[in-house]
Amino acid sequence: MTDRRYKFSWDLLGDIALGRPNLGASTSLEVYRLMQFTFRDVMEQHLGTEKTNQIFYEAGKLAGTELYKKAFSAIKDFHEFIKSLQKTFRDMGIGIVRVEEADLEKGSFVLTVSEDLDCSGLPELGYEICTYDEGFIAGLLESFTGNPFEVKEIDCWCTGDRTCRFTAEAIK
C-alpha cells in the first residue's frame, strides 16, 4: 500500500483554536460515540466483526503509541508514568485510570478505566466492547517498557460491570 493519505501525524488534528474559535476543542460524548459506532457498523458489514476488532485494536495501539511519544516519552519512572497517565486520562476526559496490580519485572498488570469514553452508560450487551482501549493501553505500555503487550478487557460496562478492567501481559 503506497498511496496513504492519512498516515498519522499530530498535524492532522489541526489548529483547533484557529478553526473553532467559538466552539473550541470540546464536543459531546454522543458525537464521539456516534462516529465510533457508525464506523464500527459499516466496517463490520464490509469486513466482519473479527477484522473490525483487529482494526480497532491496531488503531488504539497506534493512538497509545503516539500519545506516549507526545506526552510521556521523557518519563522513565513507572510510578511517575502512571501518575501522569492518570492525570492525562482525567484531563482529556478519557476515563479514570487505576492500577490494581503491577509487576513491572514480569510485565503483568491489571488496570481499570472507570467512566470510560467508549462504553460507560451503554446498555448491557453480554460482551466486552472496548477493543480500541485494549490497543490504546498496549501502545502505552509497549512504548514505556519497550516490550510488546497483549491487553484484554475482562470486565466491561456492557457485561454488567461498572468499570472496565484490563489485563496486560508482556509477550516474551
N, C-alpha and C. Protein backbone atom coordinates (compact mmCIF):
# COMPACT_ATOMS: atom_id res chain seq x y z
N MET A 1 0.86 -1.18 0.00
CA MET A 1 0.00 0.00 0.00
C MET A 1 0.90 1.23 0.00
N THR A 2 0.98 1.91 -1.11
CA THR A 2 1.90 3.04 -1.23
C THR A 2 1.21 4.39 -1.13
N ASP A 3 -0.03 4.49 -1.53
CA ASP A 3 -0.72 5.78 -1.52
C ASP A 3 -1.53 5.93 -0.23
N ARG A 4 -0.87 6.46 0.81
CA ARG A 4 -1.55 6.69 2.09
C ARG A 4 -1.78 8.18 2.24
N ARG A 5 -3.03 8.57 2.33
CA ARG A 5 -3.35 9.98 2.51
C ARG A 5 -3.35 10.41 3.97
N TYR A 6 -3.58 9.46 4.85
CA TYR A 6 -3.81 9.84 6.24
C TYR A 6 -2.85 9.18 7.22
N LYS A 7 -1.59 8.97 6.82
CA LYS A 7 -0.60 8.46 7.77
C LYS A 7 -0.64 9.39 8.97
N PHE A 8 -0.72 8.81 10.17
CA PHE A 8 -0.93 9.64 11.34
C PHE A 8 0.17 10.67 11.53
N SER A 9 -0.27 11.86 11.87
CA SER A 9 0.59 12.96 12.28
C SER A 9 -0.27 13.84 13.19
N TRP A 10 0.34 14.41 14.20
CA TRP A 10 -0.41 15.31 15.07
C TRP A 10 -0.91 16.52 14.29
N ASP A 11 -0.28 16.83 13.16
CA ASP A 11 -0.74 17.92 12.31
C ASP A 11 -2.16 17.69 11.80
N LEU A 12 -2.57 16.42 11.67
CA LEU A 12 -3.93 16.11 11.21
C LEU A 12 -4.99 16.61 12.19
N LEU A 13 -4.62 16.85 13.44
CA LEU A 13 -5.58 17.39 14.40
C LEU A 13 -5.84 18.87 14.16
N GLY A 14 -4.92 19.52 13.44
CA GLY A 14 -5.12 20.90 13.04
C GLY A 14 -4.91 21.90 14.16
N ASP A 15 -5.16 23.14 13.83
CA ASP A 15 -5.10 24.24 14.78
C ASP A 15 -6.53 24.49 15.25
N ILE A 16 -6.87 23.87 16.35
CA ILE A 16 -8.26 23.92 16.84
C ILE A 16 -8.66 25.34 17.22
N ALA A 17 -7.75 26.08 17.84
CA ALA A 17 -8.08 27.46 18.23
C ALA A 17 -8.41 28.32 17.01
N LEU A 18 -7.68 28.10 15.92
CA LEU A 18 -7.93 28.84 14.70
C LEU A 18 -9.23 28.37 14.02
N GLY A 19 -9.41 27.07 13.94
CA GLY A 19 -10.54 26.52 13.21
C GLY A 19 -11.87 26.53 13.95
N ARG A 20 -11.79 26.57 15.29
CA ARG A 20 -13.02 26.55 16.10
C ARG A 20 -12.95 27.65 17.17
N PRO A 21 -12.89 28.91 16.74
CA PRO A 21 -12.72 29.99 17.72
C PRO A 21 -13.90 30.13 18.67
N ASN A 22 -15.08 29.68 18.28
CA ASN A 22 -16.25 29.80 19.13
C ASN A 22 -16.58 28.50 19.87
N LEU A 23 -16.39 27.37 19.19
CA LEU A 23 -16.77 26.08 19.79
C LEU A 23 -15.63 25.43 20.57
N GLY A 24 -14.39 25.75 20.24
CA GLY A 24 -13.26 25.21 20.98
C GLY A 24 -13.02 23.73 20.73
N ALA A 25 -12.27 23.11 21.64
CA ALA A 25 -11.79 21.74 21.47
C ALA A 25 -12.78 20.68 21.93
N SER A 26 -13.83 21.05 22.60
CA SER A 26 -14.75 20.07 23.18
C SER A 26 -15.93 19.77 22.27
N THR A 27 -16.41 18.56 22.40
CA THR A 27 -17.64 18.14 21.74
C THR A 27 -18.36 17.20 22.69
N SER A 28 -19.53 16.76 22.34
CA SER A 28 -20.28 15.89 23.23
C SER A 28 -19.83 14.44 23.07
N LEU A 29 -19.97 13.70 24.13
CA LEU A 29 -19.67 12.27 24.11
C LEU A 29 -20.54 11.55 23.09
N GLU A 30 -21.76 12.02 22.91
CA GLU A 30 -22.66 11.40 21.94
C GLU A 30 -22.09 11.46 20.52
N VAL A 31 -21.47 12.59 20.17
CA VAL A 31 -20.89 12.74 18.84
C VAL A 31 -19.72 11.77 18.66
N TYR A 32 -18.87 11.65 19.68
CA TYR A 32 -17.76 10.69 19.63
C TYR A 32 -18.29 9.27 19.43
N ARG A 33 -19.28 8.89 20.23
CA ARG A 33 -19.82 7.53 20.12
C ARG A 33 -20.58 7.32 18.82
N LEU A 34 -21.24 8.35 18.33
CA LEU A 34 -21.91 8.26 17.03
C LEU A 34 -20.88 7.92 15.95
N MET A 35 -19.76 8.62 15.96
CA MET A 35 -18.72 8.35 14.97
C MET A 35 -18.16 6.94 15.16
N GLN A 36 -17.81 6.59 16.40
CA GLN A 36 -17.21 5.29 16.65
C GLN A 36 -18.12 4.13 16.22
N PHE A 37 -19.37 4.19 16.62
CA PHE A 37 -20.25 3.04 16.37
C PHE A 37 -20.79 3.01 14.94
N THR A 38 -20.84 4.15 14.25
CA THR A 38 -21.18 4.08 12.83
C THR A 38 -20.00 3.55 12.02
N PHE A 39 -18.78 3.95 12.38
CA PHE A 39 -17.59 3.35 11.75
C PHE A 39 -17.61 1.83 11.96
N ARG A 40 -17.83 1.42 13.20
CA ARG A 40 -17.82 0.01 13.54
C ARG A 40 -18.91 -0.74 12.76
N ASP A 41 -20.08 -0.19 12.66
CA ASP A 41 -21.19 -0.84 11.94
C ASP A 41 -20.84 -1.04 10.47
N VAL A 42 -20.37 0.02 9.82
CA VAL A 42 -20.03 -0.07 8.40
C VAL A 42 -18.86 -1.04 8.18
N MET A 43 -17.87 -0.96 9.04
CA MET A 43 -16.72 -1.87 8.90
C MET A 43 -17.14 -3.32 9.09
N GLU A 44 -18.00 -3.60 10.07
CA GLU A 44 -18.48 -4.97 10.29
C GLU A 44 -19.25 -5.48 9.08
N GLN A 45 -20.05 -4.60 8.46
CA GLN A 45 -20.79 -5.01 7.26
C GLN A 45 -19.85 -5.41 6.13
N HIS A 46 -18.73 -4.70 6.01
CA HIS A 46 -17.79 -4.96 4.92
C HIS A 46 -16.74 -6.01 5.26
N LEU A 47 -16.32 -6.06 6.53
CA LEU A 47 -15.16 -6.86 6.90
C LEU A 47 -15.44 -7.98 7.90
N GLY A 48 -16.58 -7.90 8.59
CA GLY A 48 -16.88 -8.85 9.66
C GLY A 48 -16.39 -8.32 11.00
N THR A 49 -16.89 -8.92 12.06
CA THR A 49 -16.59 -8.45 13.41
C THR A 49 -15.13 -8.67 13.78
N GLU A 50 -14.58 -9.83 13.46
CA GLU A 50 -13.20 -10.14 13.85
C GLU A 50 -12.21 -9.15 13.23
N LYS A 51 -12.34 -8.90 11.95
CA LYS A 51 -11.42 -7.96 11.27
C LYS A 51 -11.64 -6.54 11.79
N THR A 52 -12.88 -6.17 12.05
CA THR A 52 -13.17 -4.85 12.60
C THR A 52 -12.51 -4.69 13.96
N ASN A 53 -12.63 -5.70 14.81
CA ASN A 53 -11.97 -5.65 16.12
C ASN A 53 -10.46 -5.51 15.97
N GLN A 54 -9.87 -6.23 15.03
CA GLN A 54 -8.44 -6.14 14.79
C GLN A 54 -8.05 -4.71 14.40
N ILE A 55 -8.82 -4.10 13.53
CA ILE A 55 -8.54 -2.74 13.10
C ILE A 55 -8.68 -1.75 14.25
N PHE A 56 -9.73 -1.91 15.06
CA PHE A 56 -9.90 -1.02 16.21
C PHE A 56 -8.75 -1.17 17.20
N TYR A 57 -8.32 -2.42 17.43
CA TYR A 57 -7.19 -2.67 18.33
C TYR A 57 -5.93 -1.99 17.79
N GLU A 58 -5.66 -2.19 16.52
CA GLU A 58 -4.47 -1.60 15.90
C GLU A 58 -4.52 -0.07 15.92
N ALA A 59 -5.70 0.49 15.68
CA ALA A 59 -5.85 1.95 15.74
C ALA A 59 -5.62 2.46 17.15
N GLY A 60 -6.17 1.75 18.13
CA GLY A 60 -5.94 2.12 19.52
C GLY A 60 -4.47 2.04 19.89
N LYS A 61 -3.81 1.00 19.40
CA LYS A 61 -2.38 0.83 19.68
C LYS A 61 -1.57 1.97 19.08
N LEU A 62 -1.90 2.36 17.86
CA LEU A 62 -1.23 3.49 17.23
C LEU A 62 -1.47 4.77 18.04
N ALA A 63 -2.71 4.97 18.48
CA ALA A 63 -3.03 6.16 19.28
C ALA A 63 -2.25 6.16 20.60
N GLY A 64 -2.19 5.01 21.26
CA GLY A 64 -1.45 4.91 22.51
C GLY A 64 0.03 5.20 22.31
N THR A 65 0.58 4.66 21.23
CA THR A 65 1.99 4.88 20.91
C THR A 65 2.26 6.36 20.63
N GLU A 66 1.40 6.98 19.84
CA GLU A 66 1.59 8.39 19.50
C GLU A 66 1.38 9.30 20.71
N LEU A 67 0.40 8.99 21.55
CA LEU A 67 0.20 9.80 22.75
C LEU A 67 1.40 9.66 23.69
N TYR A 68 1.93 8.44 23.79
CA TYR A 68 3.12 8.23 24.62
C TYR A 68 4.27 9.13 24.13
N LYS A 69 4.52 9.10 22.82
CA LYS A 69 5.62 9.90 22.27
C LYS A 69 5.42 11.39 22.56
N LYS A 70 4.17 11.83 22.46
CA LYS A 70 3.88 13.27 22.63
C LYS A 70 3.90 13.69 24.10
N ALA A 71 3.39 12.83 24.99
CA ALA A 71 3.16 13.28 26.37
C ALA A 71 4.02 12.62 27.44
N PHE A 72 4.54 11.42 27.18
CA PHE A 72 5.16 10.66 28.26
C PHE A 72 6.58 10.19 28.00
N SER A 73 7.13 10.42 26.83
CA SER A 73 8.41 9.80 26.46
C SER A 73 9.58 10.20 27.35
N ALA A 74 9.50 11.33 28.01
CA ALA A 74 10.60 11.76 28.89
C ALA A 74 10.54 11.09 30.26
N ILE A 75 9.44 10.42 30.56
CA ILE A 75 9.26 9.80 31.88
C ILE A 75 9.90 8.42 31.89
N LYS A 76 10.75 8.17 32.88
CA LYS A 76 11.45 6.89 32.99
C LYS A 76 10.99 6.07 34.19
N ASP A 77 10.41 6.71 35.19
CA ASP A 77 9.95 6.03 36.40
C ASP A 77 8.50 5.55 36.22
N PHE A 78 8.25 4.28 36.52
CA PHE A 78 6.92 3.70 36.32
C PHE A 78 5.84 4.43 37.10
N HIS A 79 6.10 4.73 38.36
CA HIS A 79 5.08 5.40 39.19
C HIS A 79 4.77 6.80 38.66
N GLU A 80 5.79 7.50 38.21
CA GLU A 80 5.59 8.81 37.60
C GLU A 80 4.79 8.68 36.30
N PHE A 81 5.09 7.65 35.51
CA PHE A 81 4.36 7.40 34.27
C PHE A 81 2.88 7.18 34.56
N ILE A 82 2.58 6.32 35.52
CA ILE A 82 1.18 6.02 35.86
C ILE A 82 0.48 7.27 36.38
N LYS A 83 1.14 8.03 37.24
CA LYS A 83 0.55 9.25 37.78
C LYS A 83 0.23 10.24 36.65
N SER A 84 1.16 10.39 35.73
CA SER A 84 0.95 11.29 34.60
C SER A 84 -0.16 10.76 33.68
N LEU A 85 -0.18 9.46 33.47
CA LEU A 85 -1.22 8.82 32.66
C LEU A 85 -2.60 9.05 33.27
N GLN A 86 -2.70 8.88 34.58
CA GLN A 86 -3.97 9.10 35.27
C GLN A 86 -4.45 10.54 35.09
N LYS A 87 -3.53 11.48 35.25
CA LYS A 87 -3.90 12.89 35.09
C LYS A 87 -4.32 13.19 33.66
N THR A 88 -3.58 12.68 32.69
CA THR A 88 -3.89 12.92 31.28
C THR A 88 -5.25 12.32 30.91
N PHE A 89 -5.51 11.09 31.33
CA PHE A 89 -6.80 10.45 31.04
C PHE A 89 -7.94 11.27 31.63
N ARG A 90 -7.76 11.73 32.86
CA ARG A 90 -8.81 12.53 33.50
C ARG A 90 -8.98 13.88 32.80
N ASP A 91 -7.87 14.57 32.55
CA ASP A 91 -7.92 15.89 31.93
C ASP A 91 -8.52 15.83 30.52
N MET A 92 -8.23 14.76 29.78
CA MET A 92 -8.74 14.62 28.42
C MET A 92 -10.14 14.00 28.38
N GLY A 93 -10.66 13.60 29.52
CA GLY A 93 -12.00 13.02 29.57
C GLY A 93 -12.05 11.59 29.04
N ILE A 94 -10.92 10.89 29.03
CA ILE A 94 -10.87 9.51 28.52
C ILE A 94 -11.44 8.55 29.56
N GLY A 95 -11.12 8.80 30.82
CA GLY A 95 -11.59 7.93 31.90
C GLY A 95 -10.71 8.11 33.12
N ILE A 96 -11.06 7.37 34.16
CA ILE A 96 -10.33 7.42 35.42
C ILE A 96 -9.57 6.11 35.55
N VAL A 97 -8.24 6.20 35.49
CA VAL A 97 -7.37 5.02 35.49
C VAL A 97 -6.96 4.66 36.91
N ARG A 98 -6.97 3.36 37.16
CA ARG A 98 -6.48 2.83 38.43
C ARG A 98 -5.67 1.58 38.12
N VAL A 99 -4.53 1.44 38.75
CA VAL A 99 -3.72 0.23 38.60
C VAL A 99 -4.03 -0.65 39.79
N GLU A 100 -4.62 -1.82 39.53
CA GLU A 100 -4.97 -2.75 40.61
C GLU A 100 -3.81 -3.68 40.94
N GLU A 101 -3.08 -4.10 39.92
CA GLU A 101 -1.92 -4.98 40.10
C GLU A 101 -0.85 -4.55 39.11
N ALA A 102 0.40 -4.58 39.58
CA ALA A 102 1.51 -4.23 38.69
C ALA A 102 2.73 -5.02 39.09
N ASP A 103 3.25 -5.80 38.16
CA ASP A 103 4.52 -6.48 38.33
C ASP A 103 5.38 -6.09 37.14
N LEU A 104 6.13 -5.01 37.31
CA LEU A 104 6.92 -4.46 36.22
C LEU A 104 7.96 -5.45 35.73
N GLU A 105 8.54 -6.22 36.66
CA GLU A 105 9.55 -7.20 36.30
C GLU A 105 8.99 -8.29 35.37
N LYS A 106 7.79 -8.77 35.68
CA LYS A 106 7.15 -9.81 34.86
C LYS A 106 6.40 -9.21 33.67
N GLY A 107 6.13 -7.93 33.74
CA GLY A 107 5.34 -7.30 32.70
C GLY A 107 3.89 -7.73 32.76
N SER A 108 3.32 -7.70 33.96
CA SER A 108 1.95 -8.15 34.18
C SER A 108 1.19 -7.07 34.96
N PHE A 109 0.05 -6.66 34.40
CA PHE A 109 -0.72 -5.56 35.00
C PHE A 109 -2.21 -5.85 34.93
N VAL A 110 -2.93 -5.29 35.89
CA VAL A 110 -4.39 -5.21 35.84
C VAL A 110 -4.73 -3.75 36.07
N LEU A 111 -5.42 -3.16 35.09
CA LEU A 111 -5.80 -1.75 35.17
C LEU A 111 -7.30 -1.63 35.01
N THR A 112 -7.86 -0.61 35.62
CA THR A 112 -9.26 -0.30 35.38
C THR A 112 -9.36 1.11 34.79
N VAL A 113 -10.39 1.29 33.99
CA VAL A 113 -10.73 2.62 33.48
C VAL A 113 -12.22 2.81 33.77
N SER A 114 -12.51 3.68 34.73
CA SER A 114 -13.89 3.99 35.08
C SER A 114 -14.35 5.20 34.27
N GLU A 115 -15.65 5.33 34.12
CA GLU A 115 -16.24 6.40 33.31
C GLU A 115 -15.60 6.42 31.93
N ASP A 116 -15.39 5.24 31.40
CA ASP A 116 -14.71 5.03 30.12
C ASP A 116 -15.42 5.75 28.99
N LEU A 117 -14.64 6.37 28.14
CA LEU A 117 -15.15 7.13 27.00
C LEU A 117 -16.01 6.27 26.07
N ASP A 118 -15.63 5.01 25.89
CA ASP A 118 -16.30 4.17 24.90
C ASP A 118 -17.58 3.50 25.36
N CYS A 119 -17.71 3.19 26.66
CA CYS A 119 -18.86 2.34 26.99
C CYS A 119 -19.65 2.71 28.24
N SER A 120 -19.12 3.51 29.13
CA SER A 120 -19.83 3.79 30.37
C SER A 120 -21.21 4.37 30.07
N GLY A 121 -22.21 3.72 30.64
CA GLY A 121 -23.59 4.16 30.44
C GLY A 121 -24.32 3.43 29.32
N LEU A 122 -23.62 2.59 28.56
CA LEU A 122 -24.29 1.82 27.50
C LEU A 122 -25.12 0.69 28.11
N PRO A 123 -26.05 0.14 27.36
CA PRO A 123 -26.82 -1.00 27.88
C PRO A 123 -25.94 -2.25 27.97
N GLU A 124 -26.38 -3.19 28.81
CA GLU A 124 -25.68 -4.48 28.88
C GLU A 124 -25.88 -5.22 27.57
N LEU A 125 -24.78 -5.67 26.99
CA LEU A 125 -24.81 -6.37 25.71
C LEU A 125 -24.38 -7.82 25.83
N GLY A 126 -23.74 -8.15 26.97
CA GLY A 126 -23.28 -9.52 27.17
C GLY A 126 -21.89 -9.78 26.62
N TYR A 127 -21.20 -8.75 26.15
CA TYR A 127 -19.83 -8.91 25.67
C TYR A 127 -19.08 -7.58 25.86
N GLU A 128 -17.74 -7.70 25.94
CA GLU A 128 -16.89 -6.52 26.09
C GLU A 128 -16.81 -5.79 24.75
N ILE A 129 -16.69 -4.47 24.80
CA ILE A 129 -16.63 -3.71 23.54
C ILE A 129 -15.41 -2.80 23.42
N CYS A 130 -14.58 -2.74 24.43
CA CYS A 130 -13.52 -1.73 24.46
C CYS A 130 -12.24 -2.21 23.76
N THR A 131 -12.39 -2.68 22.55
CA THR A 131 -11.25 -3.18 21.76
C THR A 131 -10.25 -2.08 21.47
N TYR A 132 -10.73 -0.90 21.14
CA TYR A 132 -9.85 0.24 20.89
C TYR A 132 -9.01 0.52 22.14
N ASP A 133 -9.65 0.48 23.31
CA ASP A 133 -8.94 0.74 24.56
C ASP A 133 -7.87 -0.31 24.82
N GLU A 134 -8.15 -1.57 24.47
CA GLU A 134 -7.14 -2.62 24.62
C GLU A 134 -5.87 -2.24 23.85
N GLY A 135 -6.05 -1.85 22.62
CA GLY A 135 -4.91 -1.45 21.80
C GLY A 135 -4.24 -0.20 22.34
N PHE A 136 -5.04 0.75 22.81
CA PHE A 136 -4.53 2.01 23.36
C PHE A 136 -3.61 1.74 24.54
N ILE A 137 -4.06 0.89 25.45
CA ILE A 137 -3.27 0.53 26.63
C ILE A 137 -2.02 -0.24 26.20
N ALA A 138 -2.16 -1.15 25.24
CA ALA A 138 -1.00 -1.90 24.74
C ALA A 138 0.04 -0.94 24.18
N GLY A 139 -0.38 0.03 23.39
CA GLY A 139 0.55 1.00 22.81
C GLY A 139 1.27 1.81 23.87
N LEU A 140 0.56 2.21 24.92
CA LEU A 140 1.17 2.98 26.00
C LEU A 140 2.20 2.13 26.76
N LEU A 141 1.81 0.91 27.13
CA LEU A 141 2.71 0.05 27.91
C LEU A 141 3.92 -0.39 27.09
N GLU A 142 3.68 -0.73 25.83
CA GLU A 142 4.80 -1.13 24.96
C GLU A 142 5.78 0.02 24.79
N SER A 143 5.27 1.22 24.63
CA SER A 143 6.13 2.37 24.46
C SER A 143 6.95 2.64 25.72
N PHE A 144 6.33 2.49 26.88
CA PHE A 144 7.04 2.74 28.13
C PHE A 144 8.09 1.67 28.41
N THR A 145 7.72 0.39 28.24
CA THR A 145 8.61 -0.70 28.64
C THR A 145 9.55 -1.16 27.54
N GLY A 146 9.17 -0.93 26.27
CA GLY A 146 9.96 -1.45 25.16
C GLY A 146 9.62 -2.89 24.82
N ASN A 147 8.63 -3.47 25.50
CA ASN A 147 8.22 -4.86 25.25
C ASN A 147 6.81 -4.89 24.67
N PRO A 148 6.54 -5.81 23.76
CA PRO A 148 5.17 -5.95 23.25
C PRO A 148 4.24 -6.50 24.34
N PHE A 149 2.98 -6.07 24.29
CA PHE A 149 1.99 -6.49 25.28
C PHE A 149 0.75 -7.03 24.60
N GLU A 150 0.10 -7.97 25.27
CA GLU A 150 -1.24 -8.41 24.89
C GLU A 150 -2.17 -7.88 25.97
N VAL A 151 -3.13 -7.07 25.57
CA VAL A 151 -4.08 -6.47 26.51
C VAL A 151 -5.46 -7.01 26.19
N LYS A 152 -6.17 -7.43 27.23
CA LYS A 152 -7.51 -7.99 27.05
C LYS A 152 -8.45 -7.39 28.09
N GLU A 153 -9.59 -6.93 27.63
CA GLU A 153 -10.62 -6.44 28.56
C GLU A 153 -11.31 -7.65 29.17
N ILE A 154 -11.39 -7.67 30.50
CA ILE A 154 -12.01 -8.81 31.18
C ILE A 154 -13.31 -8.43 31.88
N ASP A 155 -13.52 -7.14 32.13
CA ASP A 155 -14.78 -6.63 32.67
C ASP A 155 -15.12 -5.36 31.90
N CYS A 156 -16.41 -5.16 31.65
CA CYS A 156 -16.85 -4.02 30.85
C CYS A 156 -18.22 -3.57 31.35
N TRP A 157 -18.51 -2.30 31.17
CA TRP A 157 -19.84 -1.80 31.50
C TRP A 157 -20.89 -2.64 30.77
N CYS A 158 -20.58 -3.03 29.55
CA CYS A 158 -21.54 -3.76 28.71
C CYS A 158 -21.72 -5.22 29.10
N THR A 159 -20.91 -5.68 30.08
CA THR A 159 -21.13 -7.03 30.62
C THR A 159 -21.70 -6.95 32.03
N GLY A 160 -22.11 -5.77 32.43
CA GLY A 160 -22.74 -5.60 33.74
C GLY A 160 -21.82 -5.04 34.80
N ASP A 161 -20.56 -4.87 34.49
CA ASP A 161 -19.63 -4.28 35.45
C ASP A 161 -19.73 -2.76 35.34
N ARG A 162 -19.27 -2.07 36.33
CA ARG A 162 -19.36 -0.62 36.31
C ARG A 162 -18.01 0.04 36.15
N THR A 163 -17.03 -0.76 35.76
CA THR A 163 -15.72 -0.25 35.38
C THR A 163 -15.16 -1.21 34.34
N CYS A 164 -14.30 -0.71 33.50
CA CYS A 164 -13.64 -1.56 32.52
C CYS A 164 -12.31 -2.02 33.12
N ARG A 165 -12.09 -3.32 33.10
CA ARG A 165 -10.87 -3.89 33.69
C ARG A 165 -10.11 -4.60 32.57
N PHE A 166 -8.79 -4.36 32.57
CA PHE A 166 -7.93 -4.90 31.52
C PHE A 166 -6.76 -5.65 32.14
N THR A 167 -6.43 -6.80 31.57
CA THR A 167 -5.18 -7.46 31.90
C THR A 167 -4.19 -7.09 30.81
N ALA A 168 -2.96 -6.92 31.20
CA ALA A 168 -1.89 -6.61 30.25
C ALA A 168 -0.71 -7.52 30.59
N GLU A 169 -0.31 -8.31 29.60
CA GLU A 169 0.79 -9.25 29.79
C GLU A 169 1.84 -9.02 28.72
N ALA A 170 3.10 -8.87 29.17
CA ALA A 170 4.20 -8.73 28.22
C ALA A 170 4.32 -10.02 27.43
N ILE A 171 4.57 -9.89 26.15
CA ILE A 171 4.78 -11.05 25.27
C ILE A 171 6.28 -11.28 25.23
N LYS A 172 6.68 -12.42 25.70
CA LYS A 172 8.13 -12.72 25.77
C LYS A 172 8.58 -13.51 24.56
